[in-house]
Amino acid sequence: MRPEGHTPKAPSATVSLKHPPISQSHEDALVNASSILDSAAATAYENADNLTGANRKVAMGIVHLIELAQRKLDSVIEEIAVPG
């Protein structure tokens, strides 16, 4: 529950990094992103298991969005892996 008068912070369009990004290939970046999505899905599932009602539905909605992103990413990785 949010405190009264609390306004959610709008997501930032850019991410500031304390360290410059590590140079990596596109394939490595995609595999890394896939791993991050796997972790996010596991975290969201765990969270959903501890909720009930509308809050659980919201958490499962997040799981669904993560899974959609994972599928899209997997299809991009497959396109790169299979020479066309």
PDB file of N, CA and C in Angstrom:
ATOM      1  N   MET A   1       0.848  -1.174   0.000  1.00  0.00           N
ATOM      2  CA  MET A   1       0.000   0.000   0.000  1.00  0.00           C
ATOM      3  C   MET A   1       0.894   1.237   0.000  1.00  0.00           C
ATOM      4  N   ARG A   2       0.563   2.202  -0.845  1.00  0.00           N
ATOM      5  CA  ARG A   2       1.347   3.427  -0.944  1.00  0.00           C
ATOM      6  C   ARG A   2       0.886   4.435   0.094  1.00  0.00           C
ATOM      7  N   PRO A   3       1.828   5.229   0.604  1.00  0.00           N
ATOM      8  CA  PRO A   3       1.419   6.299   1.516  1.00  0.00           C
ATOM      9  C   PRO A   3       0.562   7.324   0.787  1.00  0.00           C
ATOM     10  N   GLU A   4      -0.316   7.999   1.545  1.00  0.00           N
ATOM     11  CA  GLU A   4      -1.177   9.004   0.937  1.00  0.00           C
ATOM     12  C   GLU A   4      -0.340  10.088   0.287  1.00  0.00           C
ATOM     13  N   GLY A   5      -0.755  10.526  -0.895  1.00  0.00           N
ATOM     14  CA  GLY A   5      -0.043  11.582  -1.592  1.00  0.00           C
ATOM     15  C   GLY A   5       1.190  11.109  -2.338  1.00  0.00           C
ATOM     16  N   HIS A   6       1.465   9.794  -2.297  1.00  0.00           N
ATOM     17  CA  HIS A   6       2.638   9.256  -2.991  1.00  0.00           C
ATOM     18  C   HIS A   6       2.339   9.131  -4.474  1.00  0.00           C
ATOM     19  N   THR A   7       3.201   9.702  -5.280  1.00  0.00           N
ATOM     20  CA  THR A   7       3.060   9.596  -6.723  1.00  0.00           C
ATOM     21  C   THR A   7       4.159   8.682  -7.236  1.00  0.00           C
ATOM     22  N   PRO A   8       3.788   7.618  -7.979  1.00  0.00           N
ATOM     23  CA  PRO A   8       4.827   6.725  -8.494  1.00  0.00           C
ATOM     24  C   PRO A   8       5.782   7.473  -9.414  1.00  0.00           C
ATOM     25  N   LYS A   9       7.037   7.109  -9.325  1.00  0.00           N
ATOM     26  CA  LYS A   9       8.069   7.719 -10.151  1.00  0.00           C
ATOM     27  C   LYS A   9       7.974   7.153 -11.564  1.00  0.00           C
ATOM     28  N   ALA A  10       7.980   8.026 -12.552  1.00  0.00           N
ATOM     29  CA  ALA A  10       7.927   7.585 -13.950  1.00  0.00           C
ATOM     30  C   ALA A  10       9.224   6.879 -14.302  1.00  0.00           C
ATOM     31  N   PRO A  11       9.139   5.799 -15.103  1.00  0.00           N
ATOM     32  CA  PRO A  11      10.366   5.102 -15.478  1.00  0.00           C
ATOM     33  C   PRO A  11      11.273   6.014 -16.283  1.00  0.00           C
ATOM     34  N   SER A  12      12.548   5.877 -16.033  1.00  0.00           N
ATOM     35  CA  SER A  12      13.547   6.679 -16.731  1.00  0.00           C
ATOM     36  C   SER A  12      13.747   6.149 -18.139  1.00  0.00           C
ATOM     37  N   ALA A  13      13.921   7.055 -19.077  1.00  0.00           N
ATOM     38  CA  ALA A  13      14.142   6.647 -20.471  1.00  0.00           C
ATOM     39  C   ALA A  13      15.558   6.134 -20.671  1.00  0.00           C
ATOM     40  N   THR A  14      16.460   6.527 -19.803  1.00  0.00           N
ATOM     41  CA  THR A  14      17.847   6.069 -19.910  1.00  0.00           C
ATOM     42  C   THR A  14      18.279   5.479 -18.582  1.00  0.00           C
ATOM     43  N   VAL A  15      19.228   4.592 -18.658  1.00  0.00           N
ATOM     44  CA  VAL A  15      19.771   3.963 -17.463  1.00  0.00           C
ATOM     45  C   VAL A  15      21.170   4.506 -17.259  1.00  0.00           C
ATOM     46  N   SER A  16      21.423   5.060 -16.099  1.00  0.00           N
ATOM     47  CA  SER A  16      22.768   5.548 -15.850  1.00  0.00           C
ATOM     48  C   SER A  16      23.598   4.410 -15.260  1.00  0.00           C
ATOM     49  N   LEU A  17      24.818   4.305 -15.721  1.00  0.00           N
ATOM     50  CA  LEU A  17      25.717   3.262 -15.266  1.00  0.00           C
ATOM     51  C   LEU A  17      26.919   3.895 -14.590  1.00  0.00           C
ATOM     52  N   LYS A  18      27.329   3.309 -13.482  1.00  0.00           N
ATOM     53  CA  LYS A  18      28.526   3.801 -12.815  1.00  0.00           C
ATOM     54  C   LYS A  18      29.773   3.372 -13.577  1.00  0.00           C
ATOM     55  N   HIS A  19      29.674   2.241 -14.246  1.00  0.00           N
ATOM     56  CA  HIS A  19      30.804   1.712 -15.004  1.00  0.00           C
ATOM     57  C   HIS A  19      30.410   1.622 -16.464  1.00  0.00           C
ATOM     58  N   PRO A  20      31.362   1.823 -17.362  1.00  0.00           N
ATOM     59  CA  PRO A  20      31.007   1.672 -18.781  1.00  0.00           C
ATOM     60  C   PRO A  20      30.600   0.239 -19.077  1.00  0.00           C
ATOM     61  N   PRO A  21      29.682   0.046 -20.031  1.00  0.00           N
ATOM     62  CA  PRO A  21      29.245  -1.320 -20.349  1.00  0.00           C
ATOM     63  C   PRO A  21      30.408  -2.162 -20.872  1.00  0.00           C
ATOM     64  N   ILE A  22      30.372  -3.444 -20.528  1.00  0.00           N
ATOM     65  CA  ILE A  22      31.396  -4.374 -20.994  1.00  0.00           C
ATOM     66  C   ILE A  22      31.109  -4.691 -22.450  1.00  0.00           C
ATOM     67  N   SER A  23      32.144  -4.612 -23.276  1.00  0.00           N
ATOM     68  CA  SER A  23      31.978  -4.909 -24.685  1.00  0.00           C
ATOM     69  C   SER A  23      31.693  -6.397 -24.853  1.00  0.00           C
ATOM     70  N   GLN A  24      30.630  -6.716 -25.578  1.00  0.00           N
ATOM     71  CA  GLN A  24      30.291  -8.107 -25.826  1.00  0.00           C
ATOM     72  C   GLN A  24      29.594  -8.207 -27.179  1.00  0.00           C
ATOM     73  N   SER A  25      29.608  -9.398 -27.734  1.00  0.00           N
ATOM     74  CA  SER A  25      28.973  -9.598 -29.028  1.00  0.00           C
ATOM     75  C   SER A  25      27.458  -9.501 -28.876  1.00  0.00           C
ATOM     76  N   HIS A  26      26.782  -9.319 -29.994  1.00  0.00           N
ATOM     77  CA  HIS A  26      25.323  -9.275 -29.969  1.00  0.00           C
ATOM     78  C   HIS A  26      24.763 -10.585 -29.432  1.00  0.00           C
ATOM     79  N   GLU A  27      25.358 -11.698 -29.845  1.00  0.00           N
ATOM     80  CA  GLU A  27      24.882 -13.004 -29.390  1.00  0.00           C
ATOM     81  C   GLU A  27      25.030 -13.136 -27.874  1.00  0.00           C
ATOM     82  N   ASP A  28      26.189 -12.715 -27.360  1.00  0.00           N
ATOM     83  CA  ASP A  28      26.409 -12.783 -25.910  1.00  0.00           C
ATOM     84  C   ASP A  28      25.412 -11.895 -25.165  1.00  0.00           C
ATOM     85  N   ALA A  29      25.146 -10.723 -25.729  1.00  0.00           N
ATOM     86  CA  ALA A  29      24.185  -9.810 -25.101  1.00  0.00           C
ATOM     87  C   ALA A  29      22.790 -10.421 -25.073  1.00  0.00           C
ATOM     88  N   LEU A  30      22.401 -11.085 -26.154  1.00  0.00           N
ATOM     89  CA  LEU A  30      21.079 -11.722 -26.206  1.00  0.00           C
ATOM     90  C   LEU A  30      20.981 -12.879 -25.219  1.00  0.00           C
ATOM     91  N   VAL A  31      22.025 -13.677 -25.131  1.00  0.00           N
ATOM     92  CA  VAL A  31      22.030 -14.792 -24.177  1.00  0.00           C
ATOM     93  C   VAL A  31      21.986 -14.256 -22.752  1.00  0.00           C
ATOM     94  N   ASN A  32      22.705 -13.167 -22.494  1.00  0.00           N
ATOM     95  CA  ASN A  32      22.688 -12.551 -21.173  1.00  0.00           C
ATOM     96  C   ASN A  32      21.289 -12.020 -20.855  1.00  0.00           C
ATOM     97  N   ALA A  33      20.655 -11.371 -21.822  1.00  0.00           N
ATOM     98  CA  ALA A  33      19.294 -10.872 -21.617  1.00  0.00           C
ATOM     99  C   ALA A  33      18.320 -12.023 -21.347  1.00  0.00           C
ATOM    100  N   SER A  34      18.517 -13.140 -22.033  1.00  0.00           N
ATOM    101  CA  SER A  34      17.677 -14.313 -21.811  1.00  0.00           C
ATOM    102  C   SER A  34      17.823 -14.819 -20.380  1.00  0.00           C
ATOM    103  N   SER A  35      19.034 -14.844 -19.898  1.00  0.00           N
ATOM    104  CA  SER A  35      19.289 -15.280 -18.522  1.00  0.00           C
ATOM    105  C   SER A  35      18.622 -14.342 -17.515  1.00  0.00           C
ATOM    106  N   ILE A  36      18.674 -13.059 -17.798  1.00  0.00           N
ATOM    107  CA  ILE A  36      18.032 -12.082 -16.919  1.00  0.00           C
ATOM    108  C   ILE A  36      16.521 -12.291 -16.905  1.00  0.00           C
ATOM    109  N   LEU A  37      15.935 -12.540 -18.076  1.00  0.00           N
ATOM    110  CA  LEU A  37      14.497 -12.799 -18.139  1.00  0.00           C
ATOM    111  C   LEU A  37      14.127 -14.075 -17.383  1.00  0.00           C
ATOM    112  N   ASP A  38      14.972 -15.110 -17.470  1.00  0.00           N
ATOM    113  CA  ASP A  38      14.726 -16.338 -16.708  1.00  0.00           C
ATOM    114  C   ASP A  38      14.676 -16.038 -15.217  1.00  0.00           C
ATOM    115  N   SER A  39      15.621 -15.239 -14.750  1.00  0.00           N
ATOM    116  CA  SER A  39      15.666 -14.875 -13.329  1.00  0.00           C
ATOM    117  C   SER A  39      14.451 -14.040 -12.938  1.00  0.00           C
ATOM    118  N   ALA A  40      14.061 -13.107 -13.813  1.00  0.00           N
ATOM    119  CA  ALA A  40      12.888 -12.273 -13.531  1.00  0.00           C
ATOM    120  C   ALA A  40      11.624 -13.122 -13.446  1.00  0.00           C
ATOM    121  N   ALA A  41      11.493 -14.097 -14.344  1.00  0.00           N
ATOM    122  CA  ALA A  41      10.320 -14.968 -14.320  1.00  0.00           C
ATOM    123  C   ALA A  41      10.283 -15.792 -13.032  1.00  0.00           C
ATOM    124  N   ALA A  42      11.413 -16.334 -12.643  1.00  0.00           N
ATOM    125  CA  ALA A  42      11.466 -17.124 -11.406  1.00  0.00           C
ATOM    126  C   ALA A  42      11.103 -16.258 -10.198  1.00  0.00           C
ATOM    127  N   THR A  43      11.585 -15.037 -10.174  1.00  0.00           N
ATOM    128  CA  THR A  43      11.278 -14.122  -9.073  1.00  0.00           C
ATOM    129  C   THR A  43       9.788 -13.776  -9.053  1.00  0.00           C
ATOM    130  N   ALA A  44       9.229 -13.500 -10.227  1.00  0.00           N
ATOM    131  CA  ALA A  44       7.808 -13.152 -10.303  1.00  0.00           C
ATOM    132  C   ALA A  44       6.929 -14.332  -9.899  1.00  0.00           C
ATOM    133  N   TYR A  45       7.290 -15.552 -10.345  1.00  0.00           N
ATOM    134  CA  TYR A  45       6.535 -16.751  -9.934  1.00  0.00           C
ATOM    135  C   TYR A  45       6.571 -16.910  -8.419  1.00  0.00           C
ATOM    136  N   GLU A  46       7.753 -16.774  -7.840  1.00  0.00           N
ATOM    137  CA  GLU A  46       7.904 -16.918  -6.384  1.00  0.00           C
ATOM    138  C   GLU A  46       7.044 -15.883  -5.669  1.00  0.00           C
ATOM    139  N   ASN A  47       7.051 -14.664  -6.165  1.00  0.00           N
ATOM    140  CA  ASN A  47       6.243 -13.605  -5.573  1.00  0.00           C
ATOM    141  C   ASN A  47       4.760 -13.938  -5.693  1.00  0.00           C
ATOM    142  N   ALA A  48       4.344 -14.395  -6.861  1.00  0.00           N
ATOM    143  CA  ALA A  48       2.929 -14.719  -7.082  1.00  0.00           C
ATOM    144  C   ALA A  48       2.461 -15.826  -6.144  1.00  0.00           C
ATOM    145  N   ASP A  49       3.331 -16.779  -5.861  1.00  0.00           N
ATOM    146  CA  ASP A  49       2.963 -17.879  -4.969  1.00  0.00           C
ATOM    147  C   ASP A  49       2.642 -17.403  -3.558  1.00  0.00           C
ATOM    148  N   ASN A  50       3.172 -16.246  -3.192  1.00  0.00           N
ATOM    149  CA  ASN A  50       2.951 -15.712  -1.848  1.00  0.00           C
ATOM    150  C   ASN A  50       1.816 -14.696  -1.793  1.00  0.00           C
ATOM    151  N   LEU A  51       1.094 -14.535  -2.894  1.00  0.00           N
ATOM    152  CA  LEU A  51       0.009 -13.557  -2.957  1.00  0.00           C
ATOM    153  C   LEU A  51      -1.322 -14.242  -3.209  1.00  0.00           C
ATOM    154  N   THR A  52      -2.397 -13.496  -2.994  1.00  0.00           N
ATOM    155  CA  THR A  52      -3.735 -13.994  -3.283  1.00  0.00           C
ATOM    156  C   THR A  52      -4.531 -12.893  -3.981  1.00  0.00           C
ATOM    157  N   GLY A  53      -5.633 -13.283  -4.562  1.00  0.00           N
ATOM    158  CA  GLY A  53      -6.566 -12.328  -5.147  1.00  0.00           C
ATOM    159  C   GLY A  53      -5.988 -11.497  -6.272  1.00  0.00           C
ATOM    160  N   ALA A  54      -6.352 -10.221  -6.281  1.00  0.00           N
ATOM    161  CA  ALA A  54      -5.955  -9.308  -7.346  1.00  0.00           C
ATOM    162  C   ALA A  54      -4.434  -9.143  -7.415  1.00  0.00           C
ATOM    163  N   ASN A  55      -3.782  -9.143  -6.264  1.00  0.00           N
ATOM    164  CA  ASN A  55      -2.323  -8.993  -6.266  1.00  0.00           C
ATOM    165  C   ASN A  55      -1.644 -10.168  -6.963  1.00  0.00           C
ATOM    166  N   ARG A  56      -2.189 -11.374  -6.773  1.00  0.00           N
ATOM    167  CA  ARG A  56      -1.628 -12.544  -7.443  1.00  0.00           C
ATOM    168  C   ARG A  56      -1.852 -12.446  -8.957  1.00  0.00           C
ATOM    169  N   LYS A  57      -3.013 -11.946  -9.350  1.00  0.00           N
ATOM    170  CA  LYS A  57      -3.293 -11.786 -10.779  1.00  0.00           C
ATOM    171  C   LYS A  57      -2.319 -10.797 -11.416  1.00  0.00           C
ATOM    172  N   VAL A  58      -2.012  -9.724 -10.722  1.00  0.00           N
ATOM    173  CA  VAL A  58      -1.043  -8.753 -11.239  1.00  0.00           C
ATOM    174  C   VAL A  58       0.327  -9.407 -11.384  1.00  0.00           C
ATOM    175  N   ALA A  59       0.759 -10.145 -10.365  1.00  0.00           N
ATOM    176  CA  ALA A  59       2.066 -10.813 -10.431  1.00  0.00           C
ATOM    177  C   ALA A  59       2.102 -11.833 -11.567  1.00  0.00           C
ATOM    178  N   MET A  60       1.029 -12.566 -11.764  1.00  0.00           N
ATOM    179  CA  MET A  60       0.989 -13.535 -12.859  1.00  0.00           C
ATOM    180  C   MET A  60       0.946 -12.832 -14.213  1.00  0.00           C
ATOM    181  N   GLY A  61       0.348 -11.652 -14.271  1.00  0.00           N
ATOM    182  CA  GLY A  61       0.389 -10.858 -15.491  1.00  0.00           C
ATOM    183  C   GLY A  61       1.816 -10.462 -15.838  1.00  0.00           C
ATOM    184  N   ILE A  62       2.591 -10.132 -14.826  1.00  0.00           N
ATOM    185  CA  ILE A  62       4.005  -9.803 -15.028  1.00  0.00           C
ATOM    186  C   ILE A  62       4.753 -11.030 -15.525  1.00  0.00           C
ATOM    187  N   VAL A  63       4.457 -12.181 -14.940  1.00  0.00           N
ATOM    188  CA  VAL A  63       5.076 -13.426 -15.410  1.00  0.00           C
ATOM    189  C   VAL A  63       4.777 -13.624 -16.894  1.00  0.00           C
ATOM    190  N   HIS A  64       3.532 -13.408 -17.276  1.00  0.00           N
ATOM    191  CA  HIS A  64       3.127 -13.587 -18.674  1.00  0.00           C
ATOM    192  C   HIS A  64       3.909 -12.642 -19.593  1.00  0.00           C
ATOM    193  N   LEU A  65       4.043 -11.387 -19.200  1.00  0.00           N
ATOM    194  CA  LEU A  65       4.804 -10.425 -20.008  1.00  0.00           C
ATOM    195  C   LEU A  65       6.267 -10.844 -20.144  1.00  0.00           C
ATOM    196  N   ILE A  66       6.844 -11.330 -19.061  1.00  0.00           N
ATOM    197  CA  ILE A  66       8.232 -11.800 -19.104  1.00  0.00           C
ATOM    198  C   ILE A  66       8.348 -12.983 -20.055  1.00  0.00           C
ATOM    199  N   GLU A  67       7.394 -13.905 -19.985  1.00  0.00           N
ATOM    200  CA  GLU A  67       7.427 -15.069 -20.874  1.00  0.00           C
ATOM    201  C   GLU A  67       7.283 -14.665 -22.340  1.00  0.00           C
ATOM    202  N   LEU A  68       6.455 -13.664 -22.636  1.00  0.00           N
ATOM    203  CA  LEU A  68       6.331 -13.179 -24.008  1.00  0.00           C
ATOM    204  C   LEU A  68       7.659 -12.594 -24.498  1.00  0.00           C
ATOM    205  N   ALA A  69       8.301 -11.813 -23.651  1.00  0.00           N
ATOM    206  CA  ALA A  69       9.602 -11.240 -24.007  1.00  0.00           C
ATOM    207  C   ALA A  69      10.631 -12.345 -24.207  1.00  0.00           C
ATOM    208  N   GLN A  70      10.581 -13.374 -23.349  1.00  0.00           N
ATOM    209  CA  GLN A  70      11.518 -14.498 -23.458  1.00  0.00           C
ATOM    210  C   GLN A  70      11.330 -15.226 -24.785  1.00  0.00           C
ATOM    211  N   ARG A  71      10.080 -15.462 -25.170  1.00  0.00           N
ATOM    212  CA  ARG A  71       9.821 -16.142 -26.450  1.00  0.00           C
ATOM    213  C   ARG A  71      10.353 -15.336 -27.630  1.00  0.00           C
ATOM    214  N   LYS A  72      10.120 -14.034 -27.600  1.00  0.00           N
ATOM    215  CA  LYS A  72      10.611 -13.169 -28.675  1.00  0.00           C
ATOM    216  C   LYS A  72      12.137 -13.206 -28.732  1.00  0.00           C
ATOM    217  N   LEU A  73      12.765 -13.119 -27.594  1.00  0.00           N
ATOM    218  CA  LEU A  73      14.224 -13.162 -27.522  1.00  0.00           C
ATOM    219  C   LEU A  73      14.747 -14.508 -28.005  1.00  0.00           C
ATOM    220  N   ASP A  74      14.095 -15.583 -27.608  1.00  0.00           N
ATOM    221  CA  ASP A  74      14.505 -16.922 -28.054  1.00  0.00           C
ATOM    222  C   ASP A  74      14.424 -17.034 -29.578  1.00  0.00           C
ATOM    223  N   SER A  75      13.389 -16.442 -30.182  1.00  0.00           N
ATOM    224  CA  SER A  75      13.273 -16.528 -31.646  1.00  0.00           C
ATOM    225  C   SER A  75      14.380 -15.732 -32.318  1.00  0.00           C
ATOM    226  N   VAL A  76      14.781 -14.623 -31.747  1.00  0.00           N
ATOM    227  CA  VAL A  76      15.901 -13.850 -32.308  1.00  0.00           C
ATOM    228  C   VAL A  76      17.195 -14.636 -32.192  1.00  0.00           C
ATOM    229  N   ILE A  77      17.419 -15.268 -31.039  1.00  0.00           N
ATOM    230  CA  ILE A  77      18.627 -16.079 -30.839  1.00  0.00           C
ATOM    231  C   ILE A  77      18.667 -17.231 -31.844  1.00  0.00           C
ATOM    232  N   GLU A  78      17.513 -17.873 -32.062  1.00  0.00           N
ATOM    233  CA  GLU A  78      17.461 -18.983 -33.037  1.00  0.00           C
ATOM    234  C   GLU A  78      17.768 -18.502 -34.451  1.00  0.00           C
ATOM    235  N   GLU A  79      17.270 -17.330 -34.811  1.00  0.00           N
ATOM    236  CA  GLU A  79      17.551 -16.776 -36.147  1.00  0.00           C
ATOM    237  C   GLU A  79      19.041 -16.519 -36.332  1.00  0.00           C
ATOM    238  N   ILE A  80      19.691 -16.063 -35.298  1.00  0.00           N
ATOM    239  CA  ILE A  80      21.140 -15.812 -35.374  1.00  0.00           C
ATOM    240  C   ILE A  80      21.909 -17.117 -35.419  1.00  0.00           C
ATOM    241  N   ALA A  81      21.455 -18.116 -34.656  1.00  0.00           N
ATOM    242  CA  ALA A  81      22.175 -19.398 -34.560  1.00  0.00           C
ATOM    243  C   ALA A  81      22.082 -20.212 -35.838  1.00  0.00           C
ATOM    244  N   VAL A  82      20.987 -20.065 -36.577  1.00  0.00           N
ATOM    245  CA  VAL A  82      20.780 -20.833 -37.795  1.00  0.00           C
ATOM    246  C   VAL A  82      21.133 -19.950 -38.986  1.00  0.00           C
ATOM    247  N   PRO A  83      22.254 -20.267 -39.659  1.00  0.00           N
ATOM    248  CA  PRO A  83      22.607 -19.451 -40.815  1.00  0.00           C
ATOM    249  C   PRO A  83      21.537 -19.557 -41.893  1.00  0.00           C
ATOM    250  N   GLY A  84      21.130 -18.417 -42.432  1.00  0.00           N
ATOM    251  CA  GLY A  84      20.035 -18.419 -43.377  1.00  0.00           C
ATOM    252  C   GLY A  84      20.510 -18.208 -44.738  1.00  0.00           C
TER     253      GLY A  84
END
